[in-house]
Protein backbone atom coordinates (compact mmCIF):
# COMPACT_ATOMS: atom_id res chain seq x y z
CA MET A 1 69.20 -96.79 -1.47
CA SER A 2 66.85 -99.27 0.18
CA ALA A 3 65.50 -102.35 -1.56
CA THR A 4 62.00 -100.88 -1.45
CA ALA A 5 63.19 -97.67 -3.09
CA ALA A 6 65.01 -99.65 -5.78
CA LEU A 7 61.76 -101.46 -6.63
CA ARG A 8 59.68 -98.27 -6.96
CA PRO A 9 61.81 -95.18 -6.37
CA ARG A 10 60.46 -91.74 -5.59
CA ILE A 11 62.06 -89.27 -8.01
CA LEU A 12 62.10 -85.48 -7.77
CA LEU A 13 62.97 -83.60 -10.97
CA ILE A 14 64.13 -80.02 -10.49
CA SER A 15 63.72 -77.91 -13.63
CA LEU A 16 64.80 -74.48 -14.78
CA PHE A 17 61.39 -72.90 -15.42
CA HIS A 18 58.29 -74.70 -16.66
CA PRO A 19 58.04 -75.04 -20.45
CA GLU A 20 54.47 -73.73 -20.33
CA LEU A 21 55.77 -70.50 -18.80
CA LEU A 22 59.04 -70.06 -20.69
CA ARG A 23 60.20 -72.20 -23.58
CA GLY A 24 63.75 -73.50 -23.64
CA GLY A 25 65.66 -76.70 -24.30
CA ALA A 26 66.63 -77.51 -20.70
CA GLN A 27 63.09 -77.23 -19.36
CA GLN A 28 61.62 -79.05 -22.35
CA VAL A 29 63.99 -81.99 -21.85
CA CYS A 30 63.21 -82.14 -18.13
CA TYR A 31 59.48 -82.11 -18.81
CA GLU A 32 59.87 -84.84 -21.44
CA LEU A 33 61.65 -86.93 -18.81
CA PHE A 34 58.90 -86.17 -16.28
CA GLU A 35 56.15 -87.28 -18.66
CA GLY A 36 58.14 -90.32 -19.77
CA LEU A 37 58.75 -91.47 -16.19
CA LYS A 38 55.06 -91.04 -15.37
CA ALA A 39 54.03 -92.99 -18.45
CA GLY A 40 56.45 -95.79 -17.61
CA GLY A 41 54.78 -96.40 -14.26
CA ALA A 42 57.92 -97.81 -12.61
CA CYS A 43 58.41 -94.90 -10.20
CA ASP A 44 56.66 -92.04 -8.44
CA VAL A 45 57.82 -88.73 -9.93
CA THR A 46 57.37 -85.11 -8.90
CA LEU A 47 58.37 -81.99 -10.84
CA LEU A 48 59.56 -78.75 -9.26
CA ALA A 49 59.97 -75.98 -11.87
CA SER A 50 61.08 -72.44 -11.15
CA SER A 51 59.36 -69.21 -12.06
CA ASP A 52 60.46 -65.57 -11.97
CA SER A 53 59.01 -62.09 -12.14
CA LEU A 54 57.80 -62.63 -15.71
CA TYR A 55 54.55 -63.85 -14.13
CA PRO A 56 54.16 -61.73 -10.98
CA ALA A 57 50.59 -62.90 -10.37
CA LEU A 58 51.95 -66.37 -9.53
CA TYR A 59 53.66 -64.88 -6.47
CA LYS A 60 51.15 -65.08 -3.63
CA PRO A 61 51.84 -63.40 -0.27
CA GLY A 62 54.04 -65.68 1.81
CA ALA A 63 54.29 -68.35 -0.89
CA ARG A 64 57.67 -69.85 -1.79
CA ILE A 65 56.59 -73.12 -3.49
CA THR A 66 53.10 -73.55 -4.95
CA GLY A 67 51.12 -76.00 -7.02
CA PHE A 68 51.03 -75.42 -10.76
CA ASP A 69 47.77 -74.96 -12.66
CA GLY A 70 45.96 -77.74 -10.82
CA LYS A 71 48.31 -80.38 -12.20
CA PRO A 72 49.13 -83.22 -9.81
CA ASP A 73 52.81 -83.67 -8.96
CA GLU A 74 53.82 -80.36 -10.61
CA PHE A 75 55.00 -77.48 -8.43
CA LEU A 76 56.49 -74.01 -8.91
CA PHE A 77 59.53 -72.68 -7.09
CA LEU A 78 59.16 -68.90 -6.80
CA MET A 79 62.63 -67.38 -7.21
CA GLN A 80 63.40 -64.48 -4.87
CA ASP A 81 66.46 -62.38 -3.96
CA TYR A 82 68.76 -64.22 -6.35
CA ASP A 83 72.50 -63.51 -6.46
CA TYR A 84 73.61 -64.00 -10.09
CA TRP A 85 77.33 -64.01 -9.24
CA TRP A 86 77.35 -66.67 -6.54
CA HIS A 87 74.15 -68.31 -7.80
CA LYS A 88 72.42 -68.45 -4.45
CA THR A 89 69.26 -67.06 -2.94
CA GLY A 90 69.45 -64.38 -0.28
CA SER A 91 66.09 -65.38 1.21
CA PRO A 92 66.19 -67.62 4.32
CA GLN A 93 62.47 -68.24 3.81
CA VAL A 94 63.09 -69.68 0.33
CA VAL A 95 65.81 -71.98 1.69
CA GLU A 96 63.51 -73.14 4.47
CA ALA A 97 60.67 -73.76 2.02
CA PHE A 98 62.96 -75.84 -0.22
CA ALA A 99 64.11 -77.94 2.76
CA ASP A 100 60.49 -78.45 3.87
CA PHE A 101 59.56 -79.51 0.35
CA LEU A 102 62.32 -82.13 0.29
CA GLN A 103 61.18 -83.49 3.65
CA LEU A 104 57.58 -83.60 2.44
CA ILE A 105 58.35 -85.42 -0.83
CA GLN A 106 61.09 -87.67 0.63
CA PRO A 107 62.53 -88.61 -2.77
CA ASP A 108 65.03 -91.43 -3.21
CA ILE A 109 66.52 -89.62 -6.24
CA VAL A 110 66.81 -85.86 -6.67
CA HIS A 111 67.64 -84.98 -10.26
CA PHE A 112 68.66 -81.36 -10.81
CA HIS A 113 68.38 -80.14 -14.40
CA HIS A 114 69.83 -76.81 -13.30
CA PHE A 115 70.78 -74.79 -10.26
CA PHE A 116 69.95 -71.44 -11.87
CA THR A 117 67.09 -69.66 -10.05
CA TYR A 118 67.50 -72.07 -7.10
CA GLY A 119 71.15 -71.65 -6.12
CA VAL A 120 74.06 -74.04 -6.41
CA ASP A 121 74.15 -74.28 -2.61
CA MET A 122 70.78 -76.08 -2.76
CA LEU A 123 72.82 -79.16 -3.69
CA THR A 124 74.50 -79.07 -0.28
CA LEU A 125 71.15 -78.44 1.39
CA THR A 126 69.68 -81.44 -0.40
CA ARG A 127 72.52 -83.66 0.80
CA ARG A 128 72.03 -82.40 4.37
CA VAL A 129 68.25 -82.94 4.35
CA LEU A 130 68.36 -86.24 2.44
CA PRO A 131 71.68 -87.91 3.26
CA GLN A 132 70.65 -91.24 1.70
CA ALA A 133 69.20 -89.87 -1.52
CA ARG A 134 71.00 -90.13 -4.84
CA ILE A 135 71.67 -86.70 -6.34
CA VAL A 136 71.94 -86.50 -10.14
CA PHE A 137 72.84 -83.31 -11.99
CA THR A 138 72.47 -82.70 -15.73
CA PHE A 139 74.59 -79.96 -17.29
CA HIS A 140 72.76 -78.03 -20.03
CA GLU A 141 75.44 -75.35 -20.55
CA PHE A 142 78.63 -74.12 -18.85
CA MET A 143 77.31 -71.87 -16.10
CA SER A 144 79.49 -73.58 -13.51
CA ILE A 145 82.59 -72.81 -15.57
CA CYS A 146 81.69 -69.49 -17.17
CA ALA A 147 80.36 -66.34 -15.51
CA ALA A 148 79.27 -64.97 -18.91
CA ASP A 149 75.86 -66.68 -18.70
CA GLY A 150 77.48 -70.08 -19.13
CA GLN A 151 77.99 -69.50 -22.85
CA MET A 152 81.81 -69.59 -23.00
CA VAL A 153 81.84 -66.70 -25.45
CA ARG A 154 84.55 -64.12 -24.72
CA ARG A 155 83.21 -60.65 -24.03
CA THR A 156 86.41 -59.13 -25.36
CA ASP A 157 85.88 -60.16 -29.00
CA GLN A 158 82.86 -62.53 -29.06
CA SER A 159 85.11 -65.50 -29.89
CA LEU A 160 84.45 -68.93 -28.43
CA CYS A 161 86.27 -69.64 -25.18
CA THR A 162 87.92 -73.04 -24.91
CA HIS A 163 88.86 -72.95 -21.21
CA ALA A 164 88.50 -70.90 -18.07
CA SER A 165 91.35 -69.39 -16.09
CA GLN A 166 91.61 -66.60 -13.53
CA VAL A 167 93.18 -64.13 -15.97
CA ARG A 168 91.02 -65.04 -18.97
CA CYS A 169 87.85 -64.66 -16.91
CA HIS A 170 89.15 -61.37 -15.49
CA GLN A 171 89.60 -60.11 -19.07
CA CYS A 172 85.88 -60.66 -19.69
CA PHE A 173 84.98 -59.03 -16.37
CA PRO A 174 87.64 -56.38 -15.63
CA ASP A 175 85.75 -55.24 -12.53
CA ARG A 176 86.31 -58.68 -10.98
CA SER A 177 89.79 -59.62 -9.75
CA PRO A 178 91.43 -62.90 -10.81
CA GLU A 179 91.22 -64.06 -7.20
CA GLN A 180 87.44 -63.71 -7.29
CA PHE A 181 87.26 -66.23 -10.12
CA LEU A 182 89.33 -68.73 -8.16
CA THR A 183 87.01 -68.28 -5.19
CA ARG A 184 83.97 -68.63 -7.43
CA ARG A 185 85.30 -71.88 -8.87
CA MET A 186 85.98 -73.29 -5.41
CA TRP A 187 82.46 -72.29 -4.32
CA PHE A 188 80.86 -74.09 -7.26
CA GLN A 189 82.99 -77.20 -6.95
CA ALA A 190 82.38 -77.47 -3.21
CA HIS A 191 78.62 -77.64 -3.77
CA LEU A 192 78.77 -79.74 -6.94
CA ASN A 193 80.82 -82.26 -4.96
CA ARG A 194 77.56 -83.20 -3.22
CA VAL A 195 76.33 -84.69 -6.51
CA ASP A 196 76.66 -88.45 -6.96
CA VAL A 197 76.72 -88.49 -10.74
CA PHE A 198 76.58 -85.90 -13.52
CA THR A 199 75.21 -86.27 -17.04
CA CYS A 200 75.73 -84.37 -20.29
CA PRO A 201 73.80 -84.69 -23.57
CA SER A 202 76.93 -84.42 -25.78
CA GLN A 203 80.42 -85.89 -25.67
CA PHE A 204 82.27 -82.64 -26.35
CA MET A 205 80.56 -81.11 -23.32
CA ILE A 206 81.94 -83.87 -21.13
CA ALA A 207 85.46 -82.97 -22.28
CA HIS A 208 84.94 -79.39 -21.07
CA TYR A 209 83.77 -80.46 -17.64
CA VAL A 210 86.48 -83.08 -17.16
CA ARG A 211 89.12 -80.44 -17.93
CA TRP A 212 87.41 -78.12 -15.44
CA GLY A 213 87.64 -80.69 -12.67
CA VAL A 214 84.84 -83.27 -12.80
CA PRO A 215 86.37 -86.77 -12.52
CA PRO A 216 85.55 -88.88 -15.61
CA GLY A 217 84.03 -91.58 -13.39
CA ARG A 218 81.38 -89.18 -12.15
CA ILE A 219 80.02 -87.96 -15.48
CA ARG A 220 77.97 -89.90 -18.05
CA HIS A 221 76.63 -89.27 -21.53
CA ILE A 222 72.84 -89.54 -21.82
CA THR A 223 71.37 -87.92 -24.90
CA ASN A 224 68.28 -85.73 -24.81
CA GLY A 225 65.22 -87.51 -26.13
CA GLN A 226 61.66 -86.46 -26.83
CA ARG A 227 58.35 -87.91 -27.90
CA SER A 228 57.44 -87.90 -31.58
CA TYR A 229 55.13 -85.12 -32.75
CA GLY A 230 54.53 -86.53 -36.22
CA VAL A 231 56.01 -88.35 -39.19
CA ARG A 232 58.38 -87.35 -41.95
CA ASP A 233 56.84 -85.14 -44.58
CA THR A 234 56.43 -86.19 -48.20
CA PRO A 235 58.76 -83.78 -50.03
CA LEU A 236 57.50 -81.64 -52.86
CA PRO A 237 59.23 -82.11 -56.22
CA GLY A 238 61.84 -79.63 -57.43
CA LEU A 239 64.46 -77.53 -55.69
CA LYS A 240 64.12 -77.08 -51.95
CA THR A 241 64.15 -73.34 -51.30
CA ARG A 242 62.25 -72.97 -48.00
CA PHE A 243 64.40 -72.39 -44.92
CA GLY A 244 63.25 -72.25 -41.32
CA PHE A 245 64.55 -71.08 -37.95
CA PHE A 246 63.05 -72.49 -34.73
CA GLY A 247 63.96 -71.31 -31.25
CA GLN A 248 64.78 -68.35 -29.04
CA PHE A 249 65.41 -64.89 -30.49
CA VAL A 250 68.43 -64.29 -28.27
CA ASP A 251 71.99 -63.43 -29.25
CA ASN A 252 73.54 -66.87 -29.01
CA LYS A 253 70.90 -68.50 -31.23
CA GLY A 254 72.14 -66.44 -34.17
CA VAL A 255 68.90 -65.17 -35.73
CA HIS A 256 70.72 -61.96 -36.63
CA ILE A 257 73.38 -63.98 -38.51
CA LEU A 258 70.63 -65.56 -40.60
CA LEU A 259 69.06 -62.18 -41.34
CA ARG A 260 72.43 -60.75 -42.38
CA ALA A 261 72.81 -63.67 -44.80
CA VAL A 262 69.38 -62.83 -46.25
CA GLN A 263 70.41 -59.20 -46.69
CA LEU A 264 73.60 -60.22 -48.48
CA LEU A 265 71.83 -62.61 -50.85
CA ARG A 266 69.19 -59.99 -51.64
CA ALA A 267 71.93 -57.44 -52.37
CA GLU A 268 73.53 -59.96 -54.72
CA GLY A 269 70.23 -60.35 -56.55
CA PHE A 270 69.44 -63.87 -55.31
CA THR A 271 65.89 -63.97 -53.94
CA ALA A 272 64.65 -67.41 -55.00
CA PHE A 273 64.17 -68.63 -51.44
CA THR A 274 62.09 -67.97 -48.30
CA VAL A 275 62.89 -67.95 -44.57
CA ASP A 276 60.32 -68.72 -41.87
CA LEU A 277 61.19 -67.51 -38.36
CA ASN A 278 59.51 -69.47 -35.56
CA GLY A 279 60.11 -68.40 -31.98
CA ASP A 280 60.01 -65.59 -29.48
CA ASN A 281 61.75 -64.14 -26.39
CA LEU A 282 63.28 -61.28 -28.37
CA ARG A 283 62.99 -59.27 -25.14
CA TYR A 284 65.90 -61.32 -23.75
CA ALA A 285 68.26 -60.35 -26.58
CA SER A 286 70.90 -57.68 -26.07
CA PRO A 287 69.78 -54.16 -27.05
CA ALA A 288 71.99 -54.17 -30.16
CA VAL A 289 70.79 -57.55 -31.47
CA ARG A 290 67.18 -56.79 -30.61
CA GLN A 291 67.37 -53.51 -32.51
CA GLU A 292 68.95 -55.24 -35.51
CA ILE A 293 66.25 -57.92 -35.67
CA GLU A 294 63.40 -55.46 -35.14
CA ALA A 295 64.76 -53.09 -37.81
CA PHE A 296 65.04 -55.93 -40.35
CA LEU A 297 61.51 -57.17 -39.68
CA ALA A 298 60.10 -53.64 -39.88
CA GLU A 299 61.75 -53.06 -43.26
CA GLU A 300 60.57 -56.46 -44.50
CA ALA A 301 56.98 -55.61 -43.54
CA LEU A 302 57.12 -52.50 -45.75
CA LEU A 303 57.89 -54.55 -48.86
CA PRO A 304 55.09 -55.75 -51.14
CA PRO A 305 54.16 -59.37 -50.34
CA ALA A 306 55.83 -60.67 -53.50
CA GLY A 307 59.13 -59.09 -52.46
CA ARG A 308 59.27 -60.49 -48.95
CA ILE A 309 61.70 -63.30 -48.17
CA VAL A 310 61.37 -63.51 -44.39
CA CYS A 311 58.15 -64.31 -42.50
CA TRP A 312 58.03 -64.20 -38.70
CA ASN A 313 55.39 -66.65 -37.49
CA GLY A 314 55.80 -65.89 -33.77
CA ALA A 315 56.01 -68.20 -30.78
CA TYR A 316 54.80 -71.78 -30.98
CA HIS A 317 53.96 -74.76 -28.79
CA VAL A 318 55.57 -78.12 -29.49
CA ASP A 319 52.21 -79.45 -30.67
CA GLU A 320 52.36 -76.91 -33.52
CA LEU A 321 55.62 -78.33 -34.87
CA PRO A 322 54.04 -80.49 -37.60
CA GLY A 323 52.41 -77.47 -39.22
CA ARG A 324 55.46 -75.25 -38.84
CA MET A 325 57.90 -77.89 -40.12
CA ALA A 326 55.67 -78.63 -43.12
CA ARG A 327 56.36 -75.08 -44.37
CA VAL A 328 60.13 -75.54 -44.65
CA ASP A 329 62.63 -77.80 -46.40
CA TRP A 330 65.72 -76.95 -44.35
CA CYS A 331 66.19 -76.14 -40.68
CA VAL A 332 68.87 -73.51 -39.97
CA VAL A 333 70.70 -73.57 -36.61
CA PRO A 334 73.07 -70.56 -36.74
CA SER A 335 74.12 -70.61 -33.08
CA THR A 336 77.02 -68.37 -32.07
CA TRP A 337 78.07 -70.40 -29.01
CA TRP A 338 78.94 -74.04 -28.38
CA GLU A 339 75.23 -75.05 -28.36
CA VAL A 340 75.67 -78.17 -26.28
CA PHE A 341 72.94 -80.26 -27.95
CA GLY A 342 70.41 -78.37 -30.08
CA LEU A 343 66.98 -79.87 -29.42
CA VAL A 344 65.71 -78.28 -32.61
CA ILE A 345 68.01 -80.61 -34.57
CA SER A 346 66.07 -83.58 -33.18
CA GLU A 347 62.82 -81.83 -34.05
CA ALA A 348 64.01 -81.27 -37.63
CA TRP A 349 65.07 -84.90 -37.95
CA MET A 350 61.65 -85.99 -36.70
CA PHE A 351 60.19 -84.55 -39.91
CA GLY A 352 63.06 -85.56 -42.20
CA LYS A 353 64.52 -82.06 -42.59
CA PRO A 354 68.26 -81.67 -43.21
CA VAL A 355 69.95 -79.19 -40.88
CA ILE A 356 72.24 -76.30 -41.79
CA CYS A 357 74.26 -75.49 -38.68
CA SER A 358 77.28 -73.72 -37.25
CA ASN A 359 80.40 -75.88 -37.32
CA VAL A 360 80.95 -76.00 -33.54
CA GLY A 361 79.86 -77.83 -30.42
CA GLY A 362 76.79 -80.02 -30.21
CA PRO A 363 75.42 -79.30 -33.70
CA ALA A 364 78.74 -80.15 -35.34
CA GLU A 365 78.91 -83.33 -33.24
CA ARG A 366 75.40 -84.39 -34.26
CA VAL A 367 75.06 -83.23 -37.89
CA ALA A 368 77.43 -84.92 -40.34
CA HIS A 369 78.55 -82.36 -42.92
CA ASP A 370 77.44 -83.22 -46.45
CA VAL A 371 75.87 -86.44 -45.14
CA SER A 372 72.82 -85.43 -43.07
CA GLY A 373 73.19 -81.65 -43.32
CA LEU A 374 75.60 -78.80 -43.97
CA HIS A 375 78.03 -76.90 -41.75
CA PHE A 376 79.08 -73.28 -42.12
CA GLN A 377 81.65 -71.20 -40.25
CA MET A 378 80.08 -70.06 -36.98
CA GLY A 379 79.08 -66.40 -36.93
CA ASP A 380 80.00 -65.82 -40.59
CA HIS A 381 76.90 -64.60 -42.43
CA ARG A 382 78.78 -64.72 -45.73
CA ALA A 383 79.46 -68.42 -45.26
CA LEU A 384 75.82 -68.97 -44.34
CA ALA A 385 74.71 -67.06 -47.43
CA ARG A 386 76.86 -69.30 -49.64
CA THR A 387 75.40 -72.37 -47.96
CA ILE A 388 71.82 -71.16 -48.41
CA ARG A 389 72.48 -70.45 -52.09
CA ARG A 390 73.96 -73.91 -52.55
CA ALA A 391 71.07 -75.58 -50.73
CA ALA A 392 68.51 -73.71 -52.83
CA THR A 393 70.15 -74.34 -56.21
CA GLU A 394 72.08 -77.63 -56.20
CA ASP A 395 69.97 -80.29 -57.84
CA GLY A 396 69.70 -83.51 -55.83
CA LEU A 397 71.42 -82.13 -52.73
CA TRP A 398 68.34 -82.10 -50.53
CA ASP A 399 67.33 -85.63 -51.50
CA ARG A 400 70.80 -86.97 -50.76
CA LEU A 401 71.04 -85.24 -47.37
CA ALA A 402 67.46 -86.08 -46.40
CA ALA A 403 68.25 -89.74 -47.03
CA GLY A 404 71.09 -89.40 -44.50
CA VAL A 405 68.98 -87.81 -41.75
CA PRO A 406 69.01 -90.19 -38.75
CA ALA A 407 66.10 -90.98 -36.50
CA PRO A 408 66.08 -88.55 -33.56
CA PRO A 409 66.80 -89.78 -30.03
CA THR A 410 63.57 -90.98 -28.44
CA ARG A 411 62.07 -90.14 -25.08
CA THR A 412 61.90 -93.86 -24.29
CA ALA A 413 65.66 -94.23 -24.74
CA MET A 414 66.31 -91.19 -22.54
CA VAL A 415 63.99 -92.48 -19.81
CA ASP A 416 65.63 -95.91 -19.92
CA GLY A 417 69.07 -94.32 -19.68
CA PHE A 418 68.17 -92.27 -16.64
CA MET A 419 66.30 -95.10 -14.89
CA HIS A 420 69.41 -97.23 -15.23
CA LEU A 421 71.49 -94.39 -13.81
CA TYR A 422 69.08 -93.85 -10.93
CA LEU A 423 69.28 -97.47 -9.82
CA GLU A 424 72.74 -98.77 -10.74
CA PRO A 425 75.48 -99.06 -8.09
CA LEU A 426 77.85 -96.12 -8.32
CA PRO A 427 81.53 -96.12 -7.37
CA ALA A 428 83.18 -93.29 -5.44
CA PRO A 429 85.54 -92.00 -8.14
CA GLY A 430 87.05 -88.97 -6.43
CA ASP A 431 86.39 -85.30 -5.71
CA LEU A 432 86.19 -82.38 -8.08
CA ARG A 433 89.55 -80.67 -8.49
CA THR A 434 89.67 -77.14 -7.11
CA ALA A 435 92.96 -75.94 -8.65
CA MET A 436 92.71 -73.79 -11.76
CA ALA A 437 94.13 -76.08 -14.41
CA GLY A 438 94.50 -73.45 -17.14
CA GLU A 439 94.66 -76.16 -19.79
CA ARG A 440 93.51 -75.59 -23.33
CA LEU A 441 90.67 -77.78 -24.41
CA PRO A 442 91.16 -79.63 -27.70
CA THR A 443 88.76 -78.39 -30.36
CA THR A 444 86.41 -81.33 -29.95
CA GLY A 445 83.27 -80.81 -31.99
CA ARG A 446 84.81 -78.02 -34.08
CA PRO A 447 85.73 -79.36 -37.51
CA VAL A 448 87.30 -77.42 -40.33
CA ALA A 449 84.92 -74.85 -41.78
CA ALA A 450 82.80 -76.25 -44.56
CA ASP A 451 80.17 -74.08 -46.23
CA GLY A 452 80.07 -75.58 -49.68
């Protein structure tokens, strides 16, 4: 990188979707970084965010990359002809448009927050078009490792997967041969090798990627940060019986686990609590989970108002968080996958809310059981029901845990961490390994079940 670039670098952030089009943690974090870099004034920053067929009117004839809503320095990448196995586009015109965009912007740093919707081979294209640029890649899940949507949840029995191997992956996808998974891994690692440095928002995630083949010297821990949307609420006196879910209504977020816990508690005669559901994107859930959630909400709507426990408040914008968080005492994160970070945990902490979460992955790493929140056995609605009952009835529990809630990571700290990474000298610590290691990952971030 030249001395001029080091003084005021040009940075291109590449995001999975735009948070104004489709909410999600990865795109929200990237946009927070974009806004934070702009506010800092030490660099010139451009955002390229992908879109898909959810908004067909955005696709103009012949367009591949367009401006977004009249906002300066924000652009949309219009996904076309995407191959979900190899994660590459089949459109030469899209590839050409991406290369032209890189040449037009001429960034000193290209920071990918995903390859999904673009193609992992765009990393190699970026290196070819911009040989002197620094390429940074942030992992937000395990899509490079796992063909099952990057969730590392086994399709055979819905258990968490601790490592990838040719045979284990073949068991999840019997129509794919073991050799195809070796080839897929080599394909991903060949293109990821074009990256100068990787980042992850949680330590346990780094352990997964190091075992998969990323050299430790090429991967760093930088936590996700965000701006503050308000201050901690003044708690109401008495027992804290209001629970809230915030996020996507998709399988791995575990809304159905929470609703099963509600059903169990109601059957046991315990109804002295409420649950607010905040979120959307139920259309992306599997048919079975979508049907289960819709059936529960339909039955709940038939009850007289005094008998209802669950209220679905619908989708929300981040600016609505203060009002939504003011209606709950506890934030429930019942994820059924590793959940690499859990941005909603930071949002709960922002308002002083203790978190009840699954005892795996990022949430278990971040939330200290019986100190700043409570863990329960992942996927076990009975364990969650016991935890909800305890939270709603144990005198003094909420006050003790709320006192242990830490300050959430800030956007300023995240921006500072990435600016340092963008500009610091980097060693050349070796290539990604292409052999299938087949090693079991230690259960980092998965403590013994504790549901009170």
